[in-house]
Amino acid sequence: MLELLLGLAEYFVFYNSERPHQSLSYKTPDHGYLTREGGARIVEHFSDKQDSSTEEMGQRQSAVIETTPS
């Protein structure tokens, strides 16, 4: 099990920091996240409201919209 976890961890590092992605104009996901270039932002597609305070700070936003039961 340890070997599997180590292999997955190594692959995730490769996938996010070294492997270029066509949908990100052949940039890595890490590059896209750090520079805010390319890719779709889930929040824009599922929320009417945007919290500008987290957007300005460059933090990822939750795709889950919390509602109170009626």
PDB file of N, CA and C in Angstrom:
ATOM      1  N   MET A   1       0.816  -1.185   0.000  1.00  0.00           N
ATOM      2  CA  MET A   1       0.000   0.000   0.000  1.00  0.00           C
ATOM      3  C   MET A   1       0.867   1.259   0.000  1.00  0.00           C
ATOM      4  N   LEU A   2       1.955   1.237   0.725  1.00  0.00           N
ATOM      5  CA  LEU A   2       2.858   2.390   0.785  1.00  0.00           C
ATOM      6  C   LEU A   2       3.427   2.692  -0.602  1.00  0.00           C
ATOM      7  N   GLU A   3       3.782   1.660  -1.346  1.00  0.00           N
ATOM      8  CA  GLU A   3       4.323   1.849  -2.690  1.00  0.00           C
ATOM      9  C   GLU A   3       3.291   2.515  -3.610  1.00  0.00           C
ATOM     10  N   LEU A   4       2.044   2.114  -3.478  1.00  0.00           N
ATOM     11  CA  LEU A   4       0.970   2.723  -4.265  1.00  0.00           C
ATOM     12  C   LEU A   4       0.826   4.200  -3.936  1.00  0.00           C
ATOM     13  N   LEU A   5       0.797   4.546  -2.667  1.00  0.00           N
ATOM     14  CA  LEU A   5       0.661   5.940  -2.250  1.00  0.00           C
ATOM     15  C   LEU A   5       1.838   6.794  -2.723  1.00  0.00           C
ATOM     16  N   LEU A   6       3.039   6.250  -2.641  1.00  0.00           N
ATOM     17  CA  LEU A   6       4.207   6.987  -3.114  1.00  0.00           C
ATOM     18  C   LEU A   6       4.153   7.203  -4.626  1.00  0.00           C
ATOM     19  N   GLY A   7       3.732   6.171  -5.349  1.00  0.00           N
ATOM     20  CA  GLY A   7       3.605   6.288  -6.795  1.00  0.00           C
ATOM     21  C   GLY A   7       2.566   7.320  -7.192  1.00  0.00           C
ATOM     22  N   LEU A   8       1.435   7.329  -6.510  1.00  0.00           N
ATOM     23  CA  LEU A   8       0.397   8.324  -6.796  1.00  0.00           C
ATOM     24  C   LEU A   8       0.879   9.733  -6.478  1.00  0.00           C
ATOM     25  N   ALA A   9       1.541   9.898  -5.358  1.00  0.00           N
ATOM     26  CA  ALA A   9       2.054  11.219  -4.985  1.00  0.00           C
ATOM     27  C   ALA A   9       3.045  11.727  -6.032  1.00  0.00           C
ATOM     28  N   GLU A  10       3.925  10.865  -6.503  1.00  0.00           N
ATOM     29  CA  GLU A  10       4.880  11.269  -7.548  1.00  0.00           C
ATOM     30  C   GLU A  10       4.160  11.647  -8.834  1.00  0.00           C
ATOM     31  N   TYR A  11       3.125  10.873  -9.200  1.00  0.00           N
ATOM     32  CA  TYR A  11       2.397  11.170 -10.426  1.00  0.00           C
ATOM     33  C   TYR A  11       1.645  12.497 -10.317  1.00  0.00           C
ATOM     34  N   PHE A  12       1.045  12.768  -9.167  1.00  0.00           N
ATOM     35  CA  PHE A  12       0.319  14.030  -9.001  1.00  0.00           C
ATOM     36  C   PHE A  12       1.259  15.223  -9.132  1.00  0.00           C
ATOM     37  N   VAL A  13       2.468  15.109  -8.606  1.00  0.00           N
ATOM     38  CA  VAL A  13       3.454  16.186  -8.755  1.00  0.00           C
ATOM     39  C   VAL A  13       3.782  16.368 -10.234  1.00  0.00           C
ATOM     40  N   PHE A  14       4.039  15.276 -10.930  1.00  0.00           N
ATOM     41  CA  PHE A  14       4.323  15.340 -12.364  1.00  0.00           C
ATOM     42  C   PHE A  14       3.144  15.953 -13.127  1.00  0.00           C
ATOM     43  N   TYR A  15       1.938  15.478 -12.847  1.00  0.00           N
ATOM     44  CA  TYR A  15       0.735  15.910 -13.564  1.00  0.00           C
ATOM     45  C   TYR A  15       0.488  17.407 -13.387  1.00  0.00           C
ATOM     46  N   ASN A  16       0.692  17.928 -12.194  1.00  0.00           N
ATOM     47  CA  ASN A  16       0.389  19.333 -11.912  1.00  0.00           C
ATOM     48  C   ASN A  16       1.541  20.290 -12.167  1.00  0.00           C
ATOM     49  N   SER A  17       2.782  19.828 -12.106  1.00  0.00           N
ATOM     50  CA  SER A  17       3.891  20.774 -12.211  1.00  0.00           C
ATOM     51  C   SER A  17       4.765  20.591 -13.444  1.00  0.00           C
ATOM     52  N   GLU A  18       4.678  19.442 -14.114  1.00  0.00           N
ATOM     53  CA  GLU A  18       5.568  19.207 -15.252  1.00  0.00           C
ATOM     54  C   GLU A  18       4.840  18.935 -16.563  1.00  0.00           C
ATOM     55  N   ARG A  19       3.696  18.281 -16.514  1.00  0.00           N
ATOM     56  CA  ARG A  19       2.993  17.845 -17.725  1.00  0.00           C
ATOM     57  C   ARG A  19       2.156  18.986 -18.304  1.00  0.00           C
ATOM     58  N   PRO A  20       2.453  19.442 -19.534  1.00  0.00           N
ATOM     59  CA  PRO A  20       1.631  20.492 -20.147  1.00  0.00           C
ATOM     60  C   PRO A  20       0.254  19.954 -20.532  1.00  0.00           C
ATOM     61  N   HIS A  21      -0.750  20.797 -20.415  1.00  0.00           N
ATOM     62  CA  HIS A  21      -2.118  20.411 -20.707  1.00  0.00           C
ATOM     63  C   HIS A  21      -2.640  21.219 -21.888  1.00  0.00           C
ATOM     64  N   GLN A  22      -3.221  20.536 -22.861  1.00  0.00           N
ATOM     65  CA  GLN A  22      -3.736  21.199 -24.056  1.00  0.00           C
ATOM     66  C   GLN A  22      -4.788  22.250 -23.689  1.00  0.00           C
ATOM     67  N   SER A  23      -5.677  21.944 -22.766  1.00  0.00           N
ATOM     68  CA  SER A  23      -6.745  22.871 -22.397  1.00  0.00           C
ATOM     69  C   SER A  23      -6.220  24.116 -21.688  1.00  0.00           C
ATOM     70  N   LEU A  24      -4.967  24.086 -21.250  1.00  0.00           N
ATOM     71  CA  LEU A  24      -4.350  25.242 -20.581  1.00  0.00           C
ATOM     72  C   LEU A  24      -3.293  25.879 -21.469  1.00  0.00           C
ATOM     73  N   SER A  25      -3.474  25.770 -22.778  1.00  0.00           N
ATOM     74  CA  SER A  25      -2.513  26.318 -23.755  1.00  0.00           C
ATOM     75  C   SER A  25      -1.120  25.744 -23.537  1.00  0.00           C
ATOM     76  N   TYR A  26      -1.085  24.464 -23.240  1.00  0.00           N
ATOM     77  CA  TYR A  26       0.167  23.724 -23.034  1.00  0.00           C
ATOM     78  C   TYR A  26       0.993  24.266 -21.870  1.00  0.00           C
ATOM     79  N   LYS A  27       0.303  24.778 -20.867  1.00  0.00           N
ATOM     80  CA  LYS A  27       0.934  25.161 -19.600  1.00  0.00           C
ATOM     81  C   LYS A  27       0.558  24.096 -18.577  1.00  0.00           C
ATOM     82  N   THR A  28       1.214  24.120 -17.438  1.00  0.00           N
ATOM     83  CA  THR A  28       0.897  23.167 -16.376  1.00  0.00           C
ATOM     84  C   THR A  28      -0.233  23.725 -15.502  1.00  0.00           C
ATOM     85  N   PRO A  29      -0.972  22.858 -14.808  1.00  0.00           N
ATOM     86  CA  PRO A  29      -1.987  23.353 -13.879  1.00  0.00           C
ATOM     87  C   PRO A  29      -1.393  24.273 -12.805  1.00  0.00           C
ATOM     88  N   ASP A  30      -0.209  23.966 -12.309  1.00  0.00           N
ATOM     89  CA  ASP A  30       0.423  24.841 -11.325  1.00  0.00           C
ATOM     90  C   ASP A  30       0.645  26.235 -11.904  1.00  0.00           C
ATOM     91  N   HIS A  31       1.117  26.308 -13.143  1.00  0.00           N
ATOM     92  CA  HIS A  31       1.336  27.606 -13.787  1.00  0.00           C
ATOM     93  C   HIS A  31       0.008  28.349 -13.929  1.00  0.00           C
ATOM     94  N   GLY A  32      -1.022  27.651 -14.365  1.00  0.00           N
ATOM     95  CA  GLY A  32      -2.332  28.273 -14.517  1.00  0.00           C
ATOM     96  C   GLY A  32      -2.883  28.788 -13.199  1.00  0.00           C
ATOM     97  N   TYR A  33      -2.703  28.028 -12.142  1.00  0.00           N
ATOM     98  CA  TYR A  33      -3.197  28.452 -10.828  1.00  0.00           C
ATOM     99  C   TYR A  33      -2.408  29.647 -10.302  1.00  0.00           C
ATOM    100  N   LEU A  34      -1.094  29.596 -10.422  1.00  0.00           N
ATOM    101  CA  LEU A  34      -0.270  30.680  -9.881  1.00  0.00           C
ATOM    102  C   LEU A  34      -0.417  31.983 -10.660  1.00  0.00           C
ATOM    103  N   THR A  35      -0.628  31.896 -11.968  1.00  0.00           N
ATOM    104  CA  THR A  35      -0.723  33.113 -12.779  1.00  0.00           C
ATOM    105  C   THR A  35      -2.159  33.492 -13.105  1.00  0.00           C
ATOM    106  N   ARG A  36      -3.116  32.618 -12.751  1.00  0.00           N
ATOM    107  CA  ARG A  36      -4.531  32.827 -13.039  1.00  0.00           C
ATOM    108  C   ARG A  36      -4.791  32.900 -14.538  1.00  0.00           C
ATOM    109  N   GLU A  37      -4.024  32.154 -15.310  1.00  0.00           N
ATOM    110  CA  GLU A  37      -4.191  32.117 -16.761  1.00  0.00           C
ATOM    111  C   GLU A  37      -4.820  30.794 -17.180  1.00  0.00           C
ATOM    112  N   GLY A  38      -5.747  30.861 -18.120  1.00  0.00           N
ATOM    113  CA  GLY A  38      -6.300  29.660 -18.731  1.00  0.00           C
ATOM    114  C   GLY A  38      -7.227  28.883 -17.845  1.00  0.00           C
ATOM    115  N   GLY A  39      -7.968  28.007 -18.464  1.00  0.00           N
ATOM    116  CA  GLY A  39      -8.868  27.129 -17.735  1.00  0.00           C
ATOM    117  C   GLY A  39     -10.132  27.838 -17.291  1.00  0.00           C
ATOM    118  N   ALA A  40     -11.147  27.070 -16.992  1.00  0.00           N
ATOM    119  CA  ALA A  40     -12.413  27.617 -16.525  1.00  0.00           C
ATOM    120  C   ALA A  40     -12.411  27.689 -15.008  1.00  0.00           C
ATOM    121  N   ARG A  41     -13.060  28.696 -14.500  1.00  0.00           N
ATOM    122  CA  ARG A  41     -13.231  28.796 -13.057  1.00  0.00           C
ATOM    123  C   ARG A  41     -14.611  28.284 -12.727  1.00  0.00           C
ATOM    124  N   ILE A  42     -14.683  27.241 -11.943  1.00  0.00           N
ATOM    125  CA  ILE A  42     -15.948  26.584 -11.626  1.00  0.00           C
ATOM    126  C   ILE A  42     -16.939  27.568 -11.021  1.00  0.00           C
ATOM    127  N   VAL A  43     -16.476  28.456 -10.165  1.00  0.00           N
ATOM    128  CA  VAL A  43     -17.369  29.383  -9.483  1.00  0.00           C
ATOM    129  C   VAL A  43     -18.139  30.227 -10.487  1.00  0.00           C
ATOM    130  N   GLU A  44     -17.516  30.629 -11.569  1.00  0.00           N
ATOM    131  CA  GLU A  44     -18.192  31.461 -12.563  1.00  0.00           C
ATOM    132  C   GLU A  44     -19.356  30.718 -13.212  1.00  0.00           C
ATOM    133  N   HIS A  45     -19.304  29.408 -13.266  1.00  0.00           N
ATOM    134  CA  HIS A  45     -20.325  28.629 -13.945  1.00  0.00           C
ATOM    135  C   HIS A  45     -21.475  28.220 -13.033  1.00  0.00           C
ATOM    136  N   PHE A  46     -21.275  28.213 -11.727  1.00  0.00           N
ATOM    137  CA  PHE A  46     -22.284  27.677 -10.830  1.00  0.00           C
ATOM    138  C   PHE A  46     -22.800  28.655  -9.792  1.00  0.00           C
ATOM    139  N   SER A  47     -22.329  29.872  -9.786  1.00  0.00           N
ATOM    140  CA  SER A  47     -22.730  30.800  -8.743  1.00  0.00           C
ATOM    141  C   SER A  47     -23.104  32.144  -9.340  1.00  0.00           C
ATOM    142  N   ASP A  48     -24.210  32.702  -8.846  1.00  0.00           N
ATOM    143  CA  ASP A  48     -24.587  34.061  -9.259  1.00  0.00           C
ATOM    144  C   ASP A  48     -23.738  35.093  -8.538  1.00  0.00           C
ATOM    145  N   LYS A  49     -23.311  34.742  -7.333  1.00  0.00           N
ATOM    146  CA  LYS A  49     -22.523  35.671  -6.518  1.00  0.00           C
ATOM    147  C   LYS A  49     -21.061  35.268  -6.563  1.00  0.00           C
ATOM    148  N   GLN A  50     -20.212  36.275  -6.520  1.00  0.00           N
ATOM    149  CA  GLN A  50     -18.784  36.001  -6.404  1.00  0.00           C
ATOM    150  C   GLN A  50     -18.252  36.791  -5.233  1.00  0.00           C
ATOM    151  N   ASP A  51     -17.504  36.137  -4.395  1.00  0.00           N
ATOM    152  CA  ASP A  51     -16.897  36.788  -3.243  1.00  0.00           C
ATOM    153  C   ASP A  51     -15.593  37.415  -3.704  1.00  0.00           C
ATOM    154  N   SER A  52     -15.617  38.729  -3.911  1.00  0.00           N
ATOM    155  CA  SER A  52     -14.441  39.405  -4.464  1.00  0.00           C
ATOM    156  C   SER A  52     -13.271  39.401  -3.493  1.00  0.00           C
ATOM    157  N   SER A  53     -13.530  39.253  -2.189  1.00  0.00           N
ATOM    158  CA  SER A  53     -12.417  39.271  -1.240  1.00  0.00           C
ATOM    159  C   SER A  53     -11.506  38.066  -1.441  1.00  0.00           C
ATOM    160  N   THR A  54     -12.072  36.880  -1.689  1.00  0.00           N
ATOM    161  CA  THR A  54     -11.216  35.720  -1.904  1.00  0.00           C
ATOM    162  C   THR A  54     -10.596  35.770  -3.291  1.00  0.00           C
ATOM    163  N   GLU A  55     -11.318  36.332  -4.258  1.00  0.00           N
ATOM    164  CA  GLU A  55     -10.764  36.425  -5.608  1.00  0.00           C
ATOM    165  C   GLU A  55      -9.563  37.369  -5.627  1.00  0.00           C
ATOM    166  N   GLU A  56      -9.658  38.475  -4.923  1.00  0.00           N
ATOM    167  CA  GLU A  56      -8.561  39.435  -4.903  1.00  0.00           C
ATOM    168  C   GLU A  56      -7.326  38.862  -4.225  1.00  0.00           C
ATOM    169  N   MET A  57      -7.534  38.001  -3.252  1.00  0.00           N
ATOM    170  CA  MET A  57      -6.403  37.417  -2.541  1.00  0.00           C
ATOM    171  C   MET A  57      -5.830  36.230  -3.288  1.00  0.00           C
ATOM    172  N   GLY A  58      -6.443  35.827  -4.395  1.00  0.00           N
ATOM    173  CA  GLY A  58      -5.923  34.728  -5.187  1.00  0.00           C
ATOM    174  C   GLY A  58      -6.193  33.360  -4.592  1.00  0.00           C
ATOM    175  N   GLN A  59      -7.184  33.263  -3.723  1.00  0.00           N
ATOM    176  CA  GLN A  59      -7.485  31.980  -3.108  1.00  0.00           C
ATOM    177  C   GLN A  59      -8.511  31.235  -3.941  1.00  0.00           C
ATOM    178  N   ARG A  60      -8.424  29.931  -3.897  1.00  0.00           N
ATOM    179  CA  ARG A  60      -9.411  29.105  -4.578  1.00  0.00           C
ATOM    180  C   ARG A  60     -10.742  29.243  -3.864  1.00  0.00           C
ATOM    181  N   GLN A  61     -11.811  29.181  -4.637  1.00  0.00           N
ATOM    182  CA  GLN A  61     -13.141  29.304  -4.073  1.00  0.00           C
ATOM    183  C   GLN A  61     -13.847  27.965  -4.142  1.00  0.00           C
ATOM    184  N   SER A  62     -14.732  27.736  -3.213  1.00  0.00           N
ATOM    185  CA  SER A  62     -15.481  26.490  -3.172  1.00  0.00           C
ATOM    186  C   SER A  62     -16.527  26.464  -4.267  1.00  0.00           C
ATOM    187  N   ALA A  63     -16.713  25.315  -4.883  1.00  0.00           N
ATOM    188  CA  ALA A  63     -17.737  25.155  -5.905  1.00  0.00           C
ATOM    189  C   ALA A  63     -19.074  24.775  -5.287  1.00  0.00           C
ATOM    190  N   VAL A  64     -19.096  24.558  -3.988  1.00  0.00           N
ATOM    191  CA  VAL A  64     -20.312  24.160  -3.297  1.00  0.00           C
ATOM    192  C   VAL A  64     -21.055  25.413  -2.853  1.00  0.00           C
ATOM    193  N   ILE A  65     -22.337  25.477  -3.181  1.00  0.00           N
ATOM    194  CA  ILE A  65     -23.157  26.601  -2.759  1.00  0.00           C
ATOM    195  C   ILE A  65     -23.984  26.125  -1.576  1.00  0.00           C
ATOM    196  N   GLU A  66     -23.782  26.761  -0.437  1.00  0.00           N
ATOM    197  CA  GLU A  66     -24.502  26.346   0.766  1.00  0.00           C
ATOM    198  C   GLU A  66     -25.879  26.999   0.772  1.00  0.00           C
ATOM    199  N   THR A  67     -26.870  26.207   1.116  1.00  0.00           N
ATOM    200  CA  THR A  67     -28.228  26.722   1.240  1.00  0.00           C
ATOM    201  C   THR A  67     -28.802  26.272   2.565  1.00  0.00           C
ATOM    202  N   THR A  68     -29.741  27.033   3.064  1.00  0.00           N
ATOM    203  CA  THR A  68     -30.403  26.648   4.312  1.00  0.00           C
ATOM    204  C   THR A  68     -31.713  25.973   3.963  1.00  0.00           C
ATOM    205  N   PRO A  69     -32.060  24.919   4.694  1.00  0.00           N
ATOM    206  CA  PRO A  69     -33.324  24.233   4.402  1.00  0.00           C
ATOM    207  C   PRO A  69     -34.502  25.162   4.659  1.00  0.00           C
ATOM    208  N   SER A  70     -35.531  25.063   3.810  1.00  0.00           N
ATOM    209  CA  SER A  70     -36.702  25.936   4.003  1.00  0.00           C
ATOM    210  C   SER A  70     -37.835  25.230   4.684  1.00  0.00           C
TER     211      SER A  70
END
